[in-house]
All heavy atoms as atom14 arrays in JSON, in Angstrom:
{
  "sequence": "SDTIVPLDKKLYSLRDVTATVPSIPLIASSIMSKKLA",
  "atom14_mask": [
    [1, 1, 1, 1, 1, 1, 0, 0, 0, 0, 0, 0, 0, 0],
    [1, 1, 1, 1, 1, 1, 1, 1, 0, 0, 0, 0, 0, 0],
    [1, 1, 1, 1, 1, 1, 1, 0, 0, 0, 0, 0, 0, 0],
    [1, 1, 1, 1, 1, 1, 1, 1, 0, 0, 0, 0, 0, 0],
    [1, 1, 1, 1, 1, 1, 1, 0, 0, 0, 0, 0, 0, 0],
    [1, 1, 1, 1, 1, 1, 1, 0, 0, 0, 0, 0, 0, 0],
    [1, 1, 1, 1, 1, 1, 1, 1, 0, 0, 0, 0, 0, 0],
    [1, 1, 1, 1, 1, 1, 1, 1, 0, 0, 0, 0, 0, 0],
    [1, 1, 1, 1, 1, 1, 1, 1, 1, 0, 0, 0, 0, 0],
    [1, 1, 1, 1, 1, 1, 1, 1, 1, 0, 0, 0, 0, 0],
    [1, 1, 1, 1, 1, 1, 1, 1, 0, 0, 0, 0, 0, 0],
    [1, 1, 1, 1, 1, 1, 1, 1, 1, 1, 1, 1, 0, 0],
    [1, 1, 1, 1, 1, 1, 0, 0, 0, 0, 0, 0, 0, 0],
    [1, 1, 1, 1, 1, 1, 1, 1, 0, 0, 0, 0, 0, 0],
    [1, 1, 1, 1, 1, 1, 1, 1, 1, 1, 1, 0, 0, 0],
    [1, 1, 1, 1, 1, 1, 1, 1, 0, 0, 0, 0, 0, 0],
    [1, 1, 1, 1, 1, 1, 1, 0, 0, 0, 0, 0, 0, 0],
    [1, 1, 1, 1, 1, 1, 1, 0, 0, 0, 0, 0, 0, 0],
    [1, 1, 1, 1, 1, 0, 0, 0, 0, 0, 0, 0, 0, 0],
    [1, 1, 1, 1, 1, 1, 1, 0, 0, 0, 0, 0, 0, 0],
    [1, 1, 1, 1, 1, 1, 1, 0, 0, 0, 0, 0, 0, 0],
    [1, 1, 1, 1, 1, 1, 1, 0, 0, 0, 0, 0, 0, 0],
    [1, 1, 1, 1, 1, 1, 0, 0, 0, 0, 0, 0, 0, 0],
    [1, 1, 1, 1, 1, 1, 1, 1, 0, 0, 0, 0, 0, 0],
    [1, 1, 1, 1, 1, 1, 1, 0, 0, 0, 0, 0, 0, 0],
    [1, 1, 1, 1, 1, 1, 1, 1, 0, 0, 0, 0, 0, 0],
    [1, 1, 1, 1, 1, 1, 1, 1, 0, 0, 0, 0, 0, 0],
    [1, 1, 1, 1, 1, 0, 0, 0, 0, 0, 0, 0, 0, 0],
    [1, 1, 1, 1, 1, 1, 0, 0, 0, 0, 0, 0, 0, 0],
    [1, 1, 1, 1, 1, 1, 0, 0, 0, 0, 0, 0, 0, 0],
    [1, 1, 1, 1, 1, 1, 1, 1, 0, 0, 0, 0, 0, 0],
    [1, 1, 1, 1, 1, 1, 1, 1, 0, 0, 0, 0, 0, 0],
    [1, 1, 1, 1, 1, 1, 0, 0, 0, 0, 0, 0, 0, 0],
    [1, 1, 1, 1, 1, 1, 1, 1, 1, 0, 0, 0, 0, 0],
    [1, 1, 1, 1, 1, 1, 1, 1, 1, 0, 0, 0, 0, 0],
    [1, 1, 1, 1, 1, 1, 1, 1, 0, 0, 0, 0, 0, 0],
    [1, 1, 1, 1, 1, 0, 0, 0, 0, 0, 0, 0, 0, 0]
  ],
  "atom14_positions": [
    [[46.44, 15.75, -37.87], [45.88, 15.53, -39.2], [44.98, 14.31, -39.16], [45.23, 13.36, -38.42], [47.02, 15.31, -40.2], [46.54, 14.73, -41.38], [0.0, 0.0, 0.0], [0.0, 0.0, 0.0], [0.0, 0.0, 0.0], [0.0, 0.0, 0.0], [0.0, 0.0, 0.0], [0.0, 0.0, 0.0], [0.0, 0.0, 0.0], [0.0, 0.0, 0.0]],
    [[43.93, 14.33, -39.98], [43.03, 13.18, -40.06], [43.71, 11.96, -40.65], [43.2, 10.85, -40.56], [41.79, 13.54, -40.91], [40.87, 14.5, -40.2], [40.96, 14.61, -38.96], [40.06, 15.16, -40.88], [0.0, 0.0, 0.0], [0.0, 0.0, 0.0], [0.0, 0.0, 0.0], [0.0, 0.0, 0.0], [0.0, 0.0, 0.0], [0.0, 0.0, 0.0]],
    [[44.89, 12.17, -41.26], [45.6, 11.03, -41.85], [46.48, 10.31, -40.83], [47.02, 9.25, -41.11], [46.49, 11.51, -43.02], [47.51, 12.39, -42.53], [45.66, 12.23, -44.07], [0.0, 0.0, 0.0], [0.0, 0.0, 0.0], [0.0, 0.0, 0.0], [0.0, 0.0, 0.0], [0.0, 0.0, 0.0], [0.0, 0.0, 0.0], [0.0, 0.0, 0.0]],
    [[46.66, 10.9, -39.63], [47.44, 10.28, -38.56], [46.51, 9.5, -37.66], [45.6, 10.05, -37.03], [48.2, 11.35, -37.73], [49.09, 12.2, -38.62], [49.0, 10.69, -36.61], [50.3, 11.51, -39.16], [0.0, 0.0, 0.0], [0.0, 0.0, 0.0], [0.0, 0.0, 0.0], [0.0, 0.0, 0.0], [0.0, 0.0, 0.0], [0.0, 0.0, 0.0]],
    [[46.7, 8.2, -37.58], [45.9, 7.28, -36.74], [44.4, 7.59, -36.83], [43.76, 7.91, -35.83], [46.37, 7.32, -35.26], [45.87, 6.1, -34.52], [47.89, 7.4, -35.15], [0.0, 0.0, 0.0], [0.0, 0.0, 0.0], [0.0, 0.0, 0.0], [0.0, 0.0, 0.0], [0.0, 0.0, 0.0], [0.0, 0.0, 0.0], [0.0, 0.0, 0.0]],
    [[43.81, 7.5, -38.02], [42.38, 7.78, -38.15], [41.51, 6.82, -37.33], [40.4, 7.18, -36.91], [42.11, 7.62, -39.65], [43.24, 6.77, -40.16], [44.42, 7.12, -39.31], [0.0, 0.0, 0.0], [0.0, 0.0, 0.0], [0.0, 0.0, 0.0], [0.0, 0.0, 0.0], [0.0, 0.0, 0.0], [0.0, 0.0, 0.0], [0.0, 0.0, 0.0]],
    [[42.02, 5.62, -37.09], [41.25, 4.66, -36.3], [41.05, 5.16, -34.87], [39.99, 4.92, -34.26], [41.99, 3.31, -36.28], [41.3, 2.15, -35.56], [39.91, 1.9, -36.1], [42.16, 0.89, -35.67], [0.0, 0.0, 0.0], [0.0, 0.0, 0.0], [0.0, 0.0, 0.0], [0.0, 0.0, 0.0], [0.0, 0.0, 0.0], [0.0, 0.0, 0.0]],
    [[42.03, 5.87, -34.33], [41.9, 6.4, -32.97], [40.75, 7.39, -32.89], [39.96, 7.37, -31.93], [43.21, 7.07, -32.53], [43.09, 7.72, -31.16], [42.88, 6.97, -30.18], [43.17, 8.95, -31.06], [0.0, 0.0, 0.0], [0.0, 0.0, 0.0], [0.0, 0.0, 0.0], [0.0, 0.0, 0.0], [0.0, 0.0, 0.0], [0.0, 0.0, 0.0]],
    [[40.66, 8.27, -33.87], [39.6, 9.27, -33.87], [38.22, 8.61, -33.91], [37.3, 8.99, -33.18], [39.76, 10.21, -35.08], [38.76, 11.35, -35.12], [39.03, 12.28, -36.28], [38.03, 13.43, -36.28], [38.27, 14.35, -37.42], [0.0, 0.0, 0.0], [0.0, 0.0, 0.0], [0.0, 0.0, 0.0], [0.0, 0.0, 0.0], [0.0, 0.0, 0.0]],
    [[38.11, 7.58, -34.73], [36.82, 6.88, -34.85], [36.48, 6.13, -33.57], [35.34, 6.16, -33.09], [36.87, 5.92, -36.04], [35.51, 5.35, -36.41], [35.56, 4.59, -37.72], [34.14, 4.13, -38.07], [34.11, 3.29, -39.28], [0.0, 0.0, 0.0], [0.0, 0.0, 0.0], [0.0, 0.0, 0.0], [0.0, 0.0, 0.0], [0.0, 0.0, 0.0]],
    [[37.47, 5.47, -32.99], [37.24, 4.72, -31.76], [36.95, 5.65, -30.59], [36.08, 5.36, -29.75], [38.45, 3.85, -31.42], [38.64, 2.57, -32.23], [39.93, 1.87, -31.82], [37.46, 1.62, -32.04], [0.0, 0.0, 0.0], [0.0, 0.0, 0.0], [0.0, 0.0, 0.0], [0.0, 0.0, 0.0], [0.0, 0.0, 0.0], [0.0, 0.0, 0.0]],
    [[37.68, 6.77, -30.51], [37.47, 7.68, -29.38], [36.06, 8.26, -29.39], [35.43, 8.4, -28.33], [38.51, 8.81, -29.36], [38.49, 9.53, -28.03], [39.29, 9.09, -26.99], [37.62, 10.6, -27.8], [39.24, 9.72, -25.74], [37.57, 11.23, -26.57], [38.39, 10.78, -25.54], [38.32, 11.38, -24.31], [0.0, 0.0, 0.0], [0.0, 0.0, 0.0]],
    [[35.55, 8.59, -30.56], [34.18, 9.12, -30.65], [33.19, 8.12, -30.09], [32.21, 8.48, -29.43], [33.84, 9.44, -32.11], [34.67, 10.46, -32.61], [0.0, 0.0, 0.0], [0.0, 0.0, 0.0], [0.0, 0.0, 0.0], [0.0, 0.0, 0.0], [0.0, 0.0, 0.0], [0.0, 0.0, 0.0], [0.0, 0.0, 0.0], [0.0, 0.0, 0.0]],
    [[33.46, 6.84, -30.33], [32.58, 5.79, -29.83], [32.77, 5.58, -28.33], [31.81, 5.42, -27.58], [32.85, 4.48, -30.59], [31.81, 3.36, -30.43], [30.44, 3.82, -30.89], [32.25, 2.13, -31.21], [0.0, 0.0, 0.0], [0.0, 0.0, 0.0], [0.0, 0.0, 0.0], [0.0, 0.0, 0.0], [0.0, 0.0, 0.0], [0.0, 0.0, 0.0]],
    [[34.02, 5.59, -27.88], [34.3, 5.43, -26.45], [33.64, 6.54, -25.64], [33.15, 6.33, -24.53], [35.81, 5.44, -26.2], [36.53, 4.18, -26.66], [38.03, 4.37, -26.67], [38.53, 4.76, -25.35], [39.67, 5.4, -25.14], [40.43, 5.76, -26.17], [40.05, 5.7, -23.91], [0.0, 0.0, 0.0], [0.0, 0.0, 0.0], [0.0, 0.0, 0.0]],
    [[33.63, 7.74, -26.22], [33.1, 8.91, -25.53], [31.61, 8.77, -25.21], [31.13, 9.32, -24.22], [33.34, 10.15, -26.41], [33.2, 11.44, -25.63], [33.55, 11.45, -24.43], [32.75, 12.44, -26.21], [0.0, 0.0, 0.0], [0.0, 0.0, 0.0], [0.0, 0.0, 0.0], [0.0, 0.0, 0.0], [0.0, 0.0, 0.0], [0.0, 0.0, 0.0]],
    [[30.88, 8.04, -26.03], [29.43, 7.9, -25.82], [29.03, 6.52, -25.3], [27.84, 6.22, -25.19], [28.65, 8.21, -27.13], [28.84, 9.66, -27.52], [29.06, 7.28, -28.26], [0.0, 0.0, 0.0], [0.0, 0.0, 0.0], [0.0, 0.0, 0.0], [0.0, 0.0, 0.0], [0.0, 0.0, 0.0], [0.0, 0.0, 0.0], [0.0, 0.0, 0.0]],
    [[30.03, 5.69, -24.98], [29.72, 4.35, -24.46], [30.37, 4.09, -23.1], [30.45, 2.95, -22.66], [30.18, 3.25, -25.45], [31.59, 3.4, -25.71], [29.41, 3.32, -26.76], [0.0, 0.0, 0.0], [0.0, 0.0, 0.0], [0.0, 0.0, 0.0], [0.0, 0.0, 0.0], [0.0, 0.0, 0.0], [0.0, 0.0, 0.0], [0.0, 0.0, 0.0]],
    [[30.82, 5.15, -22.43], [31.4, 5.05, -21.08], [32.61, 4.12, -21.03], [32.85, 3.45, -20.03], [30.34, 4.59, -20.07], [0.0, 0.0, 0.0], [0.0, 0.0, 0.0], [0.0, 0.0, 0.0], [0.0, 0.0, 0.0], [0.0, 0.0, 0.0], [0.0, 0.0, 0.0], [0.0, 0.0, 0.0], [0.0, 0.0, 0.0], [0.0, 0.0, 0.0]],
    [[33.4, 4.1, -22.11], [34.61, 3.25, -22.13], [35.88, 4.09, -22.26], [36.94, 3.55, -22.59], [34.53, 2.23, -23.28], [34.26, 2.9, -24.51], [33.46, 1.18, -23.02], [0.0, 0.0, 0.0], [0.0, 0.0, 0.0], [0.0, 0.0, 0.0], [0.0, 0.0, 0.0], [0.0, 0.0, 0.0], [0.0, 0.0, 0.0], [0.0, 0.0, 0.0]],
    [[35.79, 5.39, -22.01], [37.0, 6.24, -22.06], [38.0, 5.87, -20.96], [39.18, 5.68, -21.23], [36.63, 7.74, -21.99], [37.88, 8.58, -21.77], [35.95, 8.18, -23.29], [0.0, 0.0, 0.0], [0.0, 0.0, 0.0], [0.0, 0.0, 0.0], [0.0, 0.0, 0.0], [0.0, 0.0, 0.0], [0.0, 0.0, 0.0], [0.0, 0.0, 0.0]],
    [[37.57, 5.72, -19.69], [38.55, 5.48, -18.62], [39.04, 4.03, -18.54], [38.85, 3.33, -17.54], [37.8, 5.89, -17.35], [36.38, 5.66, -17.66], [36.21, 5.89, -19.13], [0.0, 0.0, 0.0], [0.0, 0.0, 0.0], [0.0, 0.0, 0.0], [0.0, 0.0, 0.0], [0.0, 0.0, 0.0], [0.0, 0.0, 0.0], [0.0, 0.0, 0.0]],
    [[39.66, 3.57, -19.59], [40.25, 2.23, -19.65], [41.74, 2.41, -19.9], [42.14, 2.98, -20.92], [39.62, 1.41, -20.78], [40.44, 0.35, -21.16], [0.0, 0.0, 0.0], [0.0, 0.0, 0.0], [0.0, 0.0, 0.0], [0.0, 0.0, 0.0], [0.0, 0.0, 0.0], [0.0, 0.0, 0.0], [0.0, 0.0, 0.0], [0.0, 0.0, 0.0]],
    [[42.58, 1.95, -18.98], [44.02, 2.19, -19.1], [44.6, 1.65, -20.41], [45.33, 2.36, -21.1], [44.77, 1.66, -17.86], [44.56, 2.66, -16.72], [46.26, 1.47, -18.13], [45.15, 2.28, -15.4], [0.0, 0.0, 0.0], [0.0, 0.0, 0.0], [0.0, 0.0, 0.0], [0.0, 0.0, 0.0], [0.0, 0.0, 0.0], [0.0, 0.0, 0.0]],
    [[44.32, 0.41, -20.82], [44.89, -0.03, -22.1], [44.39, 0.79, -23.29], [45.17, 1.07, -24.22], [44.46, -1.49, -22.21], [43.4, -1.7, -21.2], [43.63, -0.69, -20.13], [0.0, 0.0, 0.0], [0.0, 0.0, 0.0], [0.0, 0.0, 0.0], [0.0, 0.0, 0.0], [0.0, 0.0, 0.0], [0.0, 0.0, 0.0], [0.0, 0.0, 0.0]],
    [[43.14, 1.22, -23.28], [42.62, 2.01, -24.39], [43.22, 3.42, -24.39], [43.52, 3.98, -25.44], [41.08, 2.08, -24.33], [40.35, 0.77, -24.62], [38.85, 0.94, -24.42], [40.64, 0.26, -26.04], [0.0, 0.0, 0.0], [0.0, 0.0, 0.0], [0.0, 0.0, 0.0], [0.0, 0.0, 0.0], [0.0, 0.0, 0.0], [0.0, 0.0, 0.0]],
    [[43.4, 4.01, -23.21], [44.04, 5.32, -23.12], [45.49, 5.22, -23.6], [45.97, 6.04, -24.39], [44.02, 5.86, -21.68], [42.59, 6.08, -21.19], [44.8, 7.17, -21.57], [42.48, 6.32, -19.69], [0.0, 0.0, 0.0], [0.0, 0.0, 0.0], [0.0, 0.0, 0.0], [0.0, 0.0, 0.0], [0.0, 0.0, 0.0], [0.0, 0.0, 0.0]],
    [[46.2, 4.2, -23.11], [47.61, 4.02, -23.47], [47.79, 3.84, -24.97], [48.67, 4.43, -25.59], [48.19, 2.83, -22.72], [0.0, 0.0, 0.0], [0.0, 0.0, 0.0], [0.0, 0.0, 0.0], [0.0, 0.0, 0.0], [0.0, 0.0, 0.0], [0.0, 0.0, 0.0], [0.0, 0.0, 0.0], [0.0, 0.0, 0.0], [0.0, 0.0, 0.0]],
    [[46.93, 3.03, -25.56], [47.01, 2.79, -27.01], [46.7, 4.06, -27.8], [47.35, 4.35, -28.8], [46.06, 1.66, -27.4], [46.15, 1.41, -28.78], [0.0, 0.0, 0.0], [0.0, 0.0, 0.0], [0.0, 0.0, 0.0], [0.0, 0.0, 0.0], [0.0, 0.0, 0.0], [0.0, 0.0, 0.0], [0.0, 0.0, 0.0], [0.0, 0.0, 0.0]],
    [[45.72, 4.82, -27.33], [45.33, 6.06, -28.01], [46.49, 7.05, -28.0], [46.84, 7.63, -29.04], [44.11, 6.67, -27.32], [43.78, 7.91, -27.88], [0.0, 0.0, 0.0], [0.0, 0.0, 0.0], [0.0, 0.0, 0.0], [0.0, 0.0, 0.0], [0.0, 0.0, 0.0], [0.0, 0.0, 0.0], [0.0, 0.0, 0.0], [0.0, 0.0, 0.0]],
    [[47.1, 7.25, -26.84], [48.21, 8.2, -26.74], [49.43, 7.71, -27.52], [50.01, 8.43, -28.33], [48.58, 8.44, -25.26], [47.46, 9.19, -24.53], [49.9, 9.22, -25.15], [47.64, 9.31, -23.03], [0.0, 0.0, 0.0], [0.0, 0.0, 0.0], [0.0, 0.0, 0.0], [0.0, 0.0, 0.0], [0.0, 0.0, 0.0], [0.0, 0.0, 0.0]],
    [[49.82, 6.47, -27.26], [51.09, 5.98, -27.82], [51.02, 5.75, -29.32], [52.03, 5.91, -30.01], [51.52, 4.7, -27.11], [51.98, 4.93, -25.67], [53.36, 6.1, -25.53], [54.69, 5.13, -26.28], [0.0, 0.0, 0.0], [0.0, 0.0, 0.0], [0.0, 0.0, 0.0], [0.0, 0.0, 0.0], [0.0, 0.0, 0.0], [0.0, 0.0, 0.0]],
    [[49.87, 5.4, -29.86], [49.78, 5.22, -31.32], [50.07, 6.54, -32.02], [50.75, 6.57, -33.06], [48.4, 4.69, -31.72], [47.37, 5.59, -31.36], [0.0, 0.0, 0.0], [0.0, 0.0, 0.0], [0.0, 0.0, 0.0], [0.0, 0.0, 0.0], [0.0, 0.0, 0.0], [0.0, 0.0, 0.0], [0.0, 0.0, 0.0], [0.0, 0.0, 0.0]],
    [[49.6, 7.67, -31.44], [49.86, 8.98, -32.04], [51.31, 9.41, -31.83], [51.92, 10.04, -32.69], [48.89, 10.02, -31.47], [47.43, 9.77, -31.86], [46.56, 10.96, -31.56], [46.27, 11.14, -30.09], [45.28, 10.19, -29.55], [0.0, 0.0, 0.0], [0.0, 0.0, 0.0], [0.0, 0.0, 0.0], [0.0, 0.0, 0.0], [0.0, 0.0, 0.0]],
    [[51.87, 9.07, -30.66], [53.28, 9.4, -30.4], [54.19, 8.6, -31.34], [55.18, 9.13, -31.84], [53.64, 9.1, -28.95], [52.89, 9.89, -27.89], [53.19, 11.38, -27.95], [52.14, 12.19, -28.66], [52.44, 13.61, -28.8], [0.0, 0.0, 0.0], [0.0, 0.0, 0.0], [0.0, 0.0, 0.0], [0.0, 0.0, 0.0], [0.0, 0.0, 0.0]],
    [[53.88, 7.36, -31.54], [54.71, 6.49, -32.39], [54.57, 6.82, -33.87], [55.46, 6.52, -34.67], [54.36, 5.03, -32.14], [54.67, 4.49, -30.73], [53.95, 3.16, -30.5], [56.17, 4.34, -30.52], [0.0, 0.0, 0.0], [0.0, 0.0, 0.0], [0.0, 0.0, 0.0], [0.0, 0.0, 0.0], [0.0, 0.0, 0.0], [0.0, 0.0, 0.0]],
    [[53.46, 7.44, -34.23], [53.21, 7.76, -35.64], [54.11, 8.89, -36.15], [54.34, 9.01, -37.34], [51.74, 8.13, -35.86], [0.0, 0.0, 0.0], [0.0, 0.0, 0.0], [0.0, 0.0, 0.0], [0.0, 0.0, 0.0], [0.0, 0.0, 0.0], [0.0, 0.0, 0.0], [0.0, 0.0, 0.0], [0.0, 0.0, 0.0], [0.0, 0.0, 0.0]]
  ]
}
C-alpha cells in the first residue's frame, strides 16, 4: 500500500536514477522498514 513506508517509495525512485541502489545500508533500511511496518 502507498500508506506503508511512503518515504521508501520516493527515495527508491530517486536511487534508481542516481546510481545509488547498490548501497548496503540503503538496501537494508528499505527492506527492514517495510518488514517492521
